[in-house]
Amino acid sequence: MPVPEAAVFERLREFAAVDAAAAQPTRTITEVFTGRALGEVPVGTAEDVAAAFEKARAVQQRWAARPPKERAAVLERYRELVVQNREYLMDVIQAETGKARWAAQEEIMGLMFAARYFARTAPRLLAPQPAPGAFPVLNRAAVRTQPKGVVGVIAPWNYPMLLSIGDSIPALLAGNAVIVKPDSQTPYSSLANVELLWRAGLPRDLLQVVPGPGTVVGTAIVESCDYLMFTGSSATGSTLAQQCGKRLIGFSAELGGKNPMIVTRGANLDKAAKAAVRACFSNAGQLCISIERLYVEQAVAEPFTRKFVAAVQAAKLGAAYDYSADIGSLISEAQLETVTKHVADATSKGAKVLAGGNARPDLGPLFFEPTVLAEVTDAMECGRNETFGPLVSIYPVADVEEAIALANDTEYGLNASVWAGSKAEGERIAARLHAGTVCVDEGYAPAWGSTGAPMGGMGISGVGRRHGPDGLLKFTEPQTVVVTRFLNLDAPWGVPQDKWQPFLMGVARAIRFLPGR
């Protein structure tokens, strides 16, 4: 089981935006599969964040002055470097997170999709857009965009490349500088991409990564940035939203989810059961858009459950830097403890374990079997709360109406999955679900990969959207510029107001007959 050499991680620490001359403390980053040390990363301070913002502001205006096509070319070159270095990048992801390699590849593809989509669409989306003027002919209006300035990105540990650099890409293309705070457990994933971005031609200091605790580095970023992008828990997102509100700066967040899957009597049960394993247990369930609730019509509940449990039991749990493992490790003792407690709480209150249910220290310090529970109730910790681990509950329901009602009976609203007898039936069900994205005949990946469409949550699952035009334009300020031609609103020489004002009113009333008004 090869792991990147220590020299690789020693080199990556050089890309951290910290004062190298200061005697700062460091944090040991460990290989999740084994617990062995990968390297030491300096712990940033509030002073490091202040210095990063000062450098970023010094280069941001020059970057913003470059045509969008030039900015896009840099991100296109970065995408090519991601493709060329994908094996190395997946090694880094796996070492820091412990996820299976196919789940690490999801991050690489996500970076590729984001860089391609935004590089291709940014020049058009950022171009001045004509708008109807107040008075035709006299007024010519256009909406321009200006970058926010310096964007703060506070990223999580579960998809540490995609949710740090992937969110930085549209912010950079919009003409901003970016300061990233990676999760303290996974800084190397962000730092590895800083190196590639510099090689692609991104000006140094335009994107900086400051590792460190959220209470110090995260707080300092929120106090200095012009816009904040956050991915994490709903509780933390609420706190950050309040802090941004006090400063009157923009805020966007993708937060938690307790995502449902609906399986109807007409669905292809073999396909649904197989795909549900990926939908529930990608990255060992540590994914905000993964499935944690399965609602299956009573008529097919028994055969589906049998097929699903068999597929879960056949999935290979293991530590490997290749594609031999289906499911990898949890990332930390805290995650292992949460999953263990949720399973113990549920079983003590009457839930039935259909598959899994046990930690696997024989495979590594943080492994837990993919677990399927039946007879779960709201009295159980995992009934309504997000586990964020390899745990899913299955519920037989009388019909589709009950499935929809139960799927929507939650504060969350991030993602959902529907398996029905036809695509049309699946789409009809999807339209009634309270979720930012819904996949018909899949779990989550096609919605995430559809970079041209907005991605985000309803309810306590998020604010704003990533991806799509909104995923770029949220990092800009719209500016309306109106040019007045021929004559302005003052009465022409010699025309009295009692004649001029009725004329203006007549023109205003007549405008309603024009197309688009």
Protein backbone atom coordinates (compact mmCIF):
# COMPACT_ATOMS: atom_id res chain seq x y z
CA MET A 1 0.00 0.00 0.00
CA PRO A 2 2.22 2.86 -1.22
CA VAL A 3 1.84 6.37 0.18
CA PRO A 4 3.40 9.60 -1.15
CA GLU A 5 6.90 10.08 0.21
CA ALA A 6 7.54 12.37 3.17
CA ALA A 7 9.47 14.74 0.89
CA VAL A 8 6.24 15.43 -1.02
CA PHE A 9 4.46 16.67 2.08
CA GLU A 10 7.52 18.58 3.24
CA ARG A 11 7.48 20.46 -0.07
CA LEU A 12 3.74 21.16 0.12
CA ARG A 13 4.02 22.90 3.49
CA GLU A 14 6.06 25.59 1.74
CA PHE A 15 2.89 26.73 -0.05
CA ALA A 16 1.11 27.60 3.21
CA ALA A 17 0.57 31.34 3.67
CA VAL A 18 2.24 31.60 7.07
CA ASP A 19 5.23 33.53 8.35
CA ALA A 20 8.06 31.05 7.80
CA ALA A 21 10.44 33.15 9.87
CA ALA A 22 8.22 33.07 12.96
CA ALA A 23 8.58 30.30 15.51
CA GLN A 24 5.06 28.99 14.99
CA PRO A 25 3.59 25.74 16.30
CA THR A 26 2.91 22.94 13.86
CA ARG A 27 0.27 20.25 13.53
CA THR A 28 1.06 16.66 12.65
CA ILE A 29 -1.02 15.38 9.74
CA THR A 30 -1.53 11.63 9.81
CA GLU A 31 -2.27 8.99 7.23
CA VAL A 32 -5.83 7.97 8.08
CA PHE A 33 -5.42 4.34 7.04
CA THR A 34 -2.63 3.69 9.54
CA GLY A 35 -2.28 6.67 11.88
CA ARG A 36 1.31 7.24 10.74
CA ALA A 37 2.61 10.78 10.47
CA LEU A 38 2.67 12.28 6.97
CA GLY A 39 4.29 15.57 7.92
CA GLU A 40 4.06 18.79 9.89
CA VAL A 41 2.03 21.82 8.82
CA PRO A 42 2.44 25.24 10.46
CA VAL A 43 -0.56 26.50 12.41
CA GLY A 44 -1.60 29.92 11.12
CA THR A 45 -2.42 32.91 13.28
CA ALA A 46 -4.65 35.96 12.98
CA GLU A 47 -1.52 37.88 11.96
CA ASP A 48 -0.94 35.41 9.12
CA VAL A 49 -4.49 35.98 7.91
CA ALA A 50 -4.03 39.75 8.04
CA ALA A 51 -0.81 39.47 6.05
CA ALA A 52 -2.51 37.20 3.51
CA PHE A 53 -5.32 39.71 2.97
CA GLU A 54 -2.86 42.55 2.55
CA LYS A 55 -0.96 40.63 -0.14
CA ALA A 56 -4.19 39.49 -1.79
CA ARG A 57 -5.59 43.01 -2.05
CA ALA A 58 -2.33 44.19 -3.59
CA VAL A 59 -2.68 41.80 -6.54
CA GLN A 60 -6.46 41.49 -6.86
CA GLN A 61 -7.10 44.71 -8.77
CA ARG A 62 -4.50 43.86 -11.40
CA TRP A 63 -6.07 40.42 -11.80
CA ALA A 64 -9.55 41.93 -12.09
CA ALA A 65 -8.31 44.29 -14.79
CA ARG A 66 -7.31 41.36 -16.99
CA PRO A 67 -9.95 40.33 -19.54
CA PRO A 68 -12.07 37.35 -18.43
CA LYS A 69 -10.70 35.32 -21.35
CA GLU A 70 -7.17 35.70 -19.97
CA ARG A 71 -8.31 34.63 -16.52
CA ALA A 72 -10.14 31.69 -18.06
CA ALA A 73 -7.01 30.58 -19.91
CA VAL A 74 -5.16 30.24 -16.60
CA LEU A 75 -7.91 28.00 -15.21
CA GLU A 76 -7.94 25.94 -18.41
CA ARG A 77 -4.21 25.29 -17.96
CA TYR A 78 -4.86 24.37 -14.35
CA ARG A 79 -7.47 21.83 -15.47
CA GLU A 80 -4.92 20.23 -17.78
CA LEU A 81 -2.44 19.99 -14.90
CA VAL A 82 -5.09 18.33 -12.72
CA VAL A 83 -5.59 15.69 -15.40
CA GLN A 84 -1.85 15.14 -15.76
CA ASN A 85 -1.31 14.88 -12.01
CA ARG A 86 -4.50 13.05 -11.08
CA GLU A 87 -2.80 9.94 -9.63
CA TYR A 88 -0.64 12.06 -7.33
CA LEU A 89 -3.61 14.20 -6.28
CA MET A 90 -5.69 11.11 -5.47
CA ASP A 91 -2.82 9.76 -3.35
CA VAL A 92 -2.84 12.98 -1.32
CA ILE A 93 -6.61 12.89 -0.90
CA GLN A 94 -6.60 9.28 0.24
CA ALA A 95 -3.72 9.78 2.63
CA GLU A 96 -5.50 12.67 4.37
CA THR A 97 -9.08 11.35 4.31
CA GLY A 98 -8.91 7.56 4.12
CA LYS A 99 -11.57 7.40 1.41
CA ALA A 100 -11.63 4.74 -1.30
CA ARG A 101 -9.83 5.65 -4.50
CA TRP A 102 -12.96 5.86 -6.64
CA ALA A 103 -14.33 8.42 -4.17
CA ALA A 104 -11.05 10.34 -4.43
CA GLN A 105 -11.46 10.30 -8.20
CA GLU A 106 -14.85 12.00 -7.75
CA GLU A 107 -12.96 15.01 -6.43
CA ILE A 108 -10.61 15.08 -9.40
CA MET A 109 -13.51 14.92 -11.83
CA GLY A 110 -15.29 17.63 -9.86
CA LEU A 111 -12.28 19.93 -10.21
CA MET A 112 -12.10 19.19 -13.92
CA PHE A 113 -15.81 19.89 -14.43
CA ALA A 114 -15.71 23.12 -12.42
CA ALA A 115 -12.63 24.49 -14.19
CA ARG A 116 -14.03 23.60 -17.61
CA TYR A 117 -17.52 24.99 -17.05
CA PHE A 118 -16.55 28.25 -15.41
CA ALA A 119 -13.62 28.91 -17.76
CA ARG A 120 -15.91 28.48 -20.74
CA THR A 121 -18.87 30.47 -19.41
CA ALA A 122 -17.16 33.23 -17.40
CA PRO A 123 -16.35 35.49 -20.39
CA ARG A 124 -20.01 35.46 -21.45
CA LEU A 125 -21.50 35.72 -17.95
CA LEU A 126 -19.17 38.56 -16.97
CA ALA A 127 -19.73 40.57 -20.15
CA PRO A 128 -21.99 43.64 -19.88
CA GLN A 129 -25.62 42.59 -20.28
CA PRO A 130 -28.05 44.97 -21.98
CA ALA A 131 -31.19 45.90 -20.07
CA PRO A 132 -34.24 48.00 -20.97
CA GLY A 133 -33.70 51.68 -20.22
CA ALA A 134 -36.33 53.79 -18.50
CA PHE A 135 -37.20 55.58 -21.76
CA PRO A 136 -36.49 53.82 -25.08
CA VAL A 137 -33.96 55.57 -27.32
CA LEU A 138 -33.25 58.18 -24.66
CA ASN A 139 -31.74 55.68 -22.20
CA ARG A 140 -29.32 52.83 -22.88
CA ALA A 141 -28.84 50.53 -19.86
CA ALA A 142 -26.33 47.78 -19.24
CA VAL A 143 -25.52 45.62 -16.23
CA ARG A 144 -21.83 45.15 -15.54
CA THR A 145 -20.12 43.02 -12.90
CA GLN A 146 -17.45 43.95 -10.45
CA PRO A 147 -15.63 41.43 -8.26
CA LYS A 148 -16.35 41.37 -4.53
CA GLY A 149 -12.65 41.81 -3.71
CA VAL A 150 -11.15 39.11 -1.48
CA VAL A 151 -13.29 36.02 -0.95
CA GLY A 152 -12.94 33.79 2.09
CA VAL A 153 -13.41 30.05 1.63
CA ILE A 154 -13.76 27.89 4.74
CA ALA A 155 -13.56 24.29 3.55
CA PRO A 156 -14.37 20.94 5.19
CA TRP A 157 -12.34 17.74 5.49
CA ASN A 158 -14.62 15.31 3.67
CA TYR A 159 -13.91 16.55 0.11
CA PRO A 160 -10.90 18.71 0.89
CA MET A 161 -9.79 19.47 -2.68
CA LEU A 162 -13.14 19.91 -4.36
CA LEU A 163 -14.71 22.00 -1.61
CA SER A 164 -11.73 24.32 -1.23
CA ILE A 165 -10.31 24.76 -4.72
CA GLY A 166 -13.55 23.90 -6.52
CA ASP A 167 -15.23 26.86 -4.80
CA SER A 168 -12.21 29.07 -5.39
CA ILE A 169 -12.29 28.58 -9.17
CA PRO A 170 -15.43 30.68 -9.90
CA ALA A 171 -14.36 33.29 -7.34
CA LEU A 172 -11.02 33.68 -9.13
CA LEU A 173 -12.62 33.78 -12.58
CA ALA A 174 -14.95 36.53 -11.34
CA GLY A 175 -11.85 38.64 -10.67
CA ASN A 176 -11.43 38.09 -6.94
CA ALA A 177 -8.56 37.03 -4.75
CA VAL A 178 -9.23 34.09 -2.42
CA ILE A 179 -8.07 33.16 1.08
CA VAL A 180 -8.72 29.50 1.93
CA LYS A 181 -8.89 27.97 5.38
CA PRO A 182 -8.72 24.21 4.91
CA ASP A 183 -9.84 21.88 7.65
CA SER A 184 -6.98 21.28 10.05
CA GLN A 185 -7.02 17.55 9.23
CA THR A 186 -6.64 17.98 5.46
CA PRO A 187 -4.42 20.96 4.54
CA TYR A 188 -2.24 19.12 2.01
CA SER A 189 -5.13 18.66 -0.42
CA SER A 190 -5.50 22.44 -0.79
CA LEU A 191 -1.75 23.10 -0.80
CA ALA A 192 -1.16 20.58 -3.61
CA ASN A 193 -3.50 22.61 -5.81
CA VAL A 194 -1.83 25.92 -4.97
CA GLU A 195 1.29 24.53 -6.60
CA LEU A 196 -0.63 23.55 -9.75
CA LEU A 197 -2.39 26.90 -9.95
CA TRP A 198 0.92 28.74 -9.75
CA ARG A 199 2.31 26.51 -12.49
CA ALA A 200 -0.78 27.37 -14.58
CA GLY A 201 0.03 31.06 -14.32
CA LEU A 202 -2.12 32.25 -11.42
CA PRO A 203 -0.40 35.24 -9.80
CA ARG A 204 1.17 34.41 -6.48
CA ASP A 205 -0.72 35.77 -3.48
CA LEU A 206 -3.98 35.75 -5.45
CA LEU A 207 -4.99 32.48 -3.82
CA GLN A 208 -3.51 31.74 -0.41
CA VAL A 209 -4.06 28.85 1.98
CA VAL A 210 -3.80 29.57 5.70
CA PRO A 211 -4.01 26.37 7.79
CA GLY A 212 -5.19 26.67 11.37
CA PRO A 213 -8.14 26.34 13.73
CA GLY A 214 -11.49 27.81 12.88
CA THR A 215 -11.61 29.79 16.11
CA VAL A 216 -8.50 31.70 15.04
CA VAL A 217 -7.98 31.53 11.27
CA GLY A 218 -11.65 31.11 10.38
CA THR A 219 -12.70 33.99 12.61
CA ALA A 220 -10.01 36.25 11.18
CA ILE A 221 -11.13 35.45 7.63
CA VAL A 222 -14.77 36.22 8.42
CA GLU A 223 -13.71 39.54 9.95
CA SER A 224 -11.72 40.57 6.85
CA CYS A 225 -13.26 39.03 3.73
CA ASP A 226 -15.64 40.71 1.31
CA TYR A 227 -17.68 37.53 0.76
CA LEU A 228 -17.69 34.15 2.51
CA MET A 229 -18.16 30.67 1.08
CA PHE A 230 -18.58 27.91 3.67
CA THR A 231 -19.22 24.17 3.57
CA GLY A 232 -19.93 22.38 6.82
CA SER A 233 -22.54 21.78 9.48
CA SER A 234 -25.84 23.64 9.69
CA ALA A 235 -25.01 24.81 13.23
CA THR A 236 -21.69 26.37 12.21
CA GLY A 237 -23.27 27.81 9.07
CA SER A 238 -25.89 29.59 11.16
CA THR A 239 -23.20 31.14 13.35
CA LEU A 240 -21.16 32.31 10.35
CA ALA A 241 -24.28 33.73 8.68
CA GLN A 242 -24.90 35.89 11.75
CA GLN A 243 -21.31 37.11 11.73
CA CYS A 244 -21.50 37.96 8.03
CA GLY A 245 -24.83 39.68 8.60
CA LYS A 246 -23.31 41.97 11.19
CA ARG A 247 -20.70 43.05 8.63
CA LEU A 248 -23.28 43.24 5.82
CA ILE A 249 -21.22 41.01 3.54
CA GLY A 250 -22.49 38.26 1.27
CA PHE A 251 -22.54 34.65 2.43
CA SER A 252 -23.09 31.31 0.72
CA ALA A 253 -23.09 27.90 2.35
CA GLU A 254 -23.74 24.25 1.67
CA LEU A 255 -24.67 22.65 4.97
CA GLY A 256 -25.96 19.36 6.36
CA GLY A 257 -28.40 16.85 4.92
CA LYS A 258 -30.56 13.91 5.99
CA ASN A 259 -31.15 12.86 2.43
CA PRO A 260 -33.91 10.46 1.36
CA MET A 261 -34.16 7.87 -1.41
CA ILE A 262 -37.56 6.72 -2.64
CA VAL A 263 -38.00 3.33 -4.34
CA THR A 264 -41.40 2.60 -5.89
CA ARG A 265 -42.96 -0.70 -6.85
CA GLY A 266 -42.13 -0.23 -10.53
CA ALA A 267 -38.41 0.44 -10.06
CA ASN A 268 -35.62 -1.79 -11.31
CA LEU A 269 -34.69 -3.23 -7.92
CA ASP A 270 -31.36 -4.70 -8.99
CA LYS A 271 -30.10 -1.38 -10.30
CA ALA A 272 -31.54 0.56 -7.39
CA ALA A 273 -30.00 -1.71 -4.76
CA LYS A 274 -26.57 -1.61 -6.37
CA ALA A 275 -26.57 2.15 -6.86
CA ALA A 276 -27.84 2.69 -3.31
CA VAL A 277 -24.59 1.26 -1.94
CA ARG A 278 -22.67 4.08 -3.62
CA ALA A 279 -25.33 6.64 -2.73
CA CYS A 280 -25.23 5.71 0.96
CA PHE A 281 -21.60 4.78 1.54
CA SER A 282 -19.45 6.94 -0.72
CA ASN A 283 -16.58 8.27 1.41
CA ALA A 284 -17.90 5.99 4.19
CA GLY A 285 -21.07 8.08 4.28
CA GLN A 286 -19.14 11.27 5.08
CA LEU A 287 -20.82 13.26 2.35
CA CYS A 288 -23.47 15.93 2.84
CA ILE A 289 -25.44 14.74 -0.21
CA SER A 290 -25.27 11.00 0.53
CA ILE A 291 -28.41 9.03 1.36
CA GLU A 292 -29.30 8.29 5.00
CA ARG A 293 -33.01 7.40 4.65
CA LEU A 294 -34.51 4.76 2.32
CA TYR A 295 -38.30 4.76 1.75
CA VAL A 296 -39.47 1.68 -0.15
CA GLU A 297 -43.03 0.86 -1.19
CA GLN A 298 -44.34 -2.05 0.85
CA ALA A 299 -45.03 -4.13 -2.27
CA VAL A 300 -41.31 -4.33 -3.05
CA ALA A 301 -39.80 -3.66 0.38
CA GLU A 302 -38.81 -7.27 1.06
CA PRO A 303 -37.06 -8.01 -2.27
CA PHE A 304 -35.38 -4.61 -2.37
CA THR A 305 -34.13 -4.92 1.20
CA ARG A 306 -32.78 -8.40 0.49
CA LYS A 307 -30.94 -7.22 -2.62
CA PHE A 308 -29.63 -4.06 -0.93
CA VAL A 309 -28.37 -5.87 2.17
CA ALA A 310 -26.65 -8.46 -0.01
CA ALA A 311 -24.95 -5.70 -2.03
CA VAL A 312 -23.82 -3.95 1.17
CA GLN A 313 -22.41 -7.17 2.60
CA ALA A 314 -20.56 -7.82 -0.66
CA ALA A 315 -18.90 -4.39 -0.66
CA LYS A 316 -15.21 -4.59 0.19
CA LEU A 317 -14.09 -2.44 3.10
CA GLY A 318 -10.36 -1.71 3.08
CA ALA A 319 -7.31 0.51 2.93
CA ALA A 320 -5.79 0.65 -0.55
CA TYR A 321 -4.26 3.22 -2.89
CA ASP A 322 -5.91 1.46 -5.81
CA TYR A 323 -9.44 0.53 -6.82
CA SER A 324 -9.61 -2.75 -4.90
CA ALA A 325 -11.67 -1.31 -2.01
CA ASP A 326 -15.27 -0.21 -2.34
CA ILE A 327 -15.48 1.66 0.96
CA GLY A 328 -12.69 3.35 2.89
CA SER A 329 -12.15 4.63 6.40
CA LEU A 330 -13.73 7.27 8.57
CA ILE A 331 -11.44 10.24 9.03
CA SER A 332 -11.21 10.71 12.79
CA GLU A 333 -11.92 9.35 16.24
CA ALA A 334 -14.75 11.88 16.51
CA GLN A 335 -16.50 10.47 13.43
CA LEU A 336 -15.99 6.90 14.61
CA GLU A 337 -17.44 7.81 17.99
CA THR A 338 -20.51 9.44 16.42
CA VAL A 339 -21.30 6.42 14.24
CA THR A 340 -20.72 3.99 17.12
CA LYS A 341 -23.02 5.99 19.39
CA HIS A 342 -25.77 6.27 16.78
CA VAL A 343 -25.76 2.52 16.16
CA ALA A 344 -25.66 1.70 19.89
CA ASP A 345 -28.46 4.15 20.65
CA ALA A 346 -30.68 2.80 17.87
CA THR A 347 -30.21 -0.86 18.75
CA SER A 348 -30.78 -0.18 22.45
CA LYS A 349 -34.16 1.31 21.53
CA GLY A 350 -35.28 -1.51 19.27
CA ALA A 351 -33.70 -0.97 15.85
CA LYS A 352 -32.66 -4.07 13.97
CA VAL A 353 -29.23 -4.37 12.33
CA LEU A 354 -29.60 -5.84 8.84
CA ALA A 355 -25.94 -5.39 7.84
CA GLY A 356 -22.74 -4.18 9.49
CA GLY A 357 -22.91 -2.49 12.85
CA ASN A 358 -19.33 -2.97 13.97
CA ALA A 359 -16.02 -1.13 14.04
CA ARG A 360 -13.20 -2.88 12.18
CA PRO A 361 -9.90 -2.14 13.95
CA ASP A 362 -8.41 -5.13 12.14
CA LEU A 363 -8.47 -3.05 8.94
CA GLY A 364 -7.29 0.23 10.44
CA PRO A 365 -7.88 2.47 13.44
CA LEU A 366 -10.96 4.24 12.05
CA PHE A 367 -12.88 1.69 9.99
CA PHE A 368 -16.58 0.98 10.55
CA GLU A 369 -18.70 -1.46 8.58
CA PRO A 370 -21.39 -0.09 6.23
CA THR A 371 -24.49 -0.46 8.35
CA VAL A 372 -28.17 -0.86 7.47
CA LEU A 373 -30.84 -0.48 10.17
CA ALA A 374 -34.53 -1.30 10.15
CA GLU A 375 -37.32 -0.27 12.55
CA VAL A 376 -35.68 3.10 13.26
CA THR A 377 -37.89 5.67 15.01
CA ASP A 378 -37.65 9.39 15.68
CA ALA A 379 -36.82 8.57 19.31
CA MET A 380 -33.44 7.33 18.12
CA GLU A 381 -30.49 9.66 17.61
CA CYS A 382 -30.10 8.65 13.96
CA GLY A 383 -33.82 9.00 13.26
CA ARG A 384 -33.80 12.70 12.39
CA ASN A 385 -30.20 13.80 12.94
CA GLU A 386 -27.46 13.57 10.33
CA THR A 387 -25.00 10.77 11.14
CA PHE A 388 -22.44 11.67 8.47
CA GLY A 389 -21.11 8.13 8.44
CA PRO A 390 -21.75 4.65 7.01
CA LEU A 391 -25.25 4.30 8.44
CA VAL A 392 -28.58 4.18 6.61
CA SER A 393 -32.12 3.40 7.80
CA ILE A 394 -34.67 1.61 5.66
CA TYR A 395 -38.44 2.22 5.99
CA PRO A 396 -41.23 0.31 4.21
CA VAL A 397 -44.09 2.67 3.26
CA ALA A 398 -47.64 2.07 2.11
CA ASP A 399 -47.39 4.06 -1.11
CA VAL A 400 -45.66 6.91 -2.92
CA GLU A 401 -47.71 9.53 -1.10
CA GLU A 402 -46.41 8.33 2.26
CA ALA A 403 -42.86 8.18 0.89
CA ILE A 404 -43.03 11.80 -0.28
CA ALA A 405 -44.53 12.97 3.00
CA LEU A 406 -41.84 11.24 5.07
CA ALA A 407 -39.03 12.35 2.75
CA ASN A 408 -40.14 15.96 3.24
CA ASP A 409 -40.62 15.60 7.00
CA THR A 410 -37.25 17.12 7.92
CA GLU A 411 -35.59 20.48 8.51
CA TYR A 412 -33.02 19.57 5.88
CA GLY A 413 -33.44 19.84 2.12
CA LEU A 414 -30.18 19.15 0.31
CA ASN A 415 -30.42 16.13 -1.98
CA ALA A 416 -32.81 13.28 -2.77
CA SER A 417 -32.92 10.21 -5.00
CA VAL A 418 -35.91 8.64 -6.76
CA TRP A 419 -36.23 5.20 -8.36
CA ALA A 420 -39.57 4.64 -10.08
CA GLY A 421 -41.17 2.63 -12.85
CA SER A 422 -40.46 5.28 -15.47
CA LYS A 423 -38.43 8.44 -15.87
CA ALA A 424 -41.64 10.45 -16.10
CA GLU A 425 -42.92 9.05 -12.80
CA GLY A 426 -39.54 9.73 -11.21
CA GLU A 427 -39.62 13.34 -12.38
CA ARG A 428 -43.17 13.83 -11.05
CA ILE A 429 -42.06 12.59 -7.63
CA ALA A 430 -38.89 14.70 -7.78
CA ALA A 431 -40.93 17.87 -8.38
CA ARG A 432 -42.71 17.33 -5.05
CA LEU A 433 -39.59 16.86 -2.93
CA HIS A 434 -38.20 19.64 -0.76
CA ALA A 435 -34.59 19.36 -1.87
CA GLY A 436 -32.13 21.49 -3.78
CA THR A 437 -31.18 18.61 -6.07
CA VAL A 438 -32.94 15.37 -6.95
CA CYS A 439 -31.44 12.50 -8.93
CA VAL A 440 -33.80 10.20 -10.81
CA ASP A 441 -32.32 6.71 -11.20
CA GLU A 442 -29.10 7.68 -9.42
CA GLY A 443 -27.94 8.78 -5.99
CA TYR A 444 -26.10 12.09 -6.06
CA ALA A 445 -23.20 12.14 -8.52
CA PRO A 446 -25.02 13.26 -11.70
CA ALA A 447 -26.52 16.24 -9.86
CA TRP A 448 -23.13 17.21 -8.46
CA GLY A 449 -21.45 16.71 -11.84
CA SER A 450 -24.01 18.84 -13.69
CA THR A 451 -21.87 21.91 -13.10
CA GLY A 452 -24.01 24.11 -15.32
CA ALA A 453 -26.97 23.68 -12.94
CA PRO A 454 -27.20 25.19 -9.45
CA MET A 455 -26.27 23.03 -6.46
CA GLY A 456 -27.36 23.78 -2.90
CA GLY A 457 -29.88 23.24 -0.17
CA MET A 458 -33.29 24.28 1.09
CA GLY A 459 -34.22 24.63 4.75
CA ILE A 460 -31.23 24.35 7.07
CA SER A 461 -29.21 22.68 4.31
CA GLY A 462 -27.81 25.86 2.86
CA VAL A 463 -27.90 29.42 1.61
CA GLY A 464 -27.18 30.33 -2.00
CA ARG A 465 -25.90 27.98 -4.69
CA ARG A 466 -22.64 26.71 -6.09
CA HIS A 467 -22.41 25.74 -9.77
CA GLY A 468 -24.40 27.22 -12.63
CA PRO A 469 -24.40 30.94 -13.46
CA ASP A 470 -25.26 31.79 -9.85
CA GLY A 471 -22.15 29.93 -8.70
CA LEU A 472 -20.05 32.52 -10.53
CA LEU A 473 -22.16 35.67 -10.28
CA LYS A 474 -22.55 35.42 -6.50
CA PHE A 475 -18.88 36.41 -6.31
CA THR A 476 -19.63 39.68 -8.13
CA GLU A 477 -21.47 42.93 -7.50
CA PRO A 478 -23.89 43.89 -10.30
CA GLN A 479 -23.52 47.48 -11.41
CA THR A 480 -26.13 49.17 -13.59
CA VAL A 481 -24.81 51.82 -15.95
CA VAL A 482 -27.40 53.94 -17.78
CA VAL A 483 -26.42 56.35 -20.54
CA THR A 484 -28.84 59.16 -21.37
CA ARG A 485 -28.80 60.35 -24.98
CA PHE A 486 -30.19 63.30 -26.95
CA LEU A 487 -31.94 65.00 -24.02
CA ASN A 488 -32.41 64.39 -20.31
CA LEU A 489 -35.50 64.62 -18.14
CA ASP A 490 -35.41 68.38 -17.83
CA ALA A 491 -38.03 70.14 -19.93
CA PRO A 492 -36.63 71.37 -23.26
CA TRP A 493 -36.06 75.08 -23.56
CA GLY A 494 -39.32 76.91 -23.92
CA VAL A 495 -41.56 73.97 -22.87
CA PRO A 496 -43.39 74.65 -19.59
CA GLN A 497 -43.64 71.96 -16.89
CA ASP A 498 -47.43 71.76 -17.19
CA LYS A 499 -46.89 70.58 -20.77
CA TRP A 500 -43.68 68.56 -20.26
CA GLN A 501 -44.79 66.41 -17.33
CA PRO A 502 -48.00 65.16 -19.00
CA PHE A 503 -45.90 64.31 -22.05
CA LEU A 504 -43.53 62.21 -19.90
CA MET A 505 -46.50 60.45 -18.31
CA GLY A 506 -47.88 59.66 -21.74
CA VAL A 507 -44.57 58.16 -22.83
CA ALA A 508 -44.40 56.13 -19.61
CA ARG A 509 -47.90 54.74 -20.21
CA ALA A 510 -47.12 53.90 -23.82
CA ILE A 511 -43.99 51.92 -22.87
CA ARG A 512 -46.16 49.06 -21.66
CA PHE A 513 -47.01 48.22 -25.28
CA LEU A 514 -43.35 47.62 -26.18
CA PRO A 515 -42.03 44.01 -26.28
CA GLY A 516 -40.37 42.93 -23.07
CA ARG A 517 -41.75 45.83 -20.99
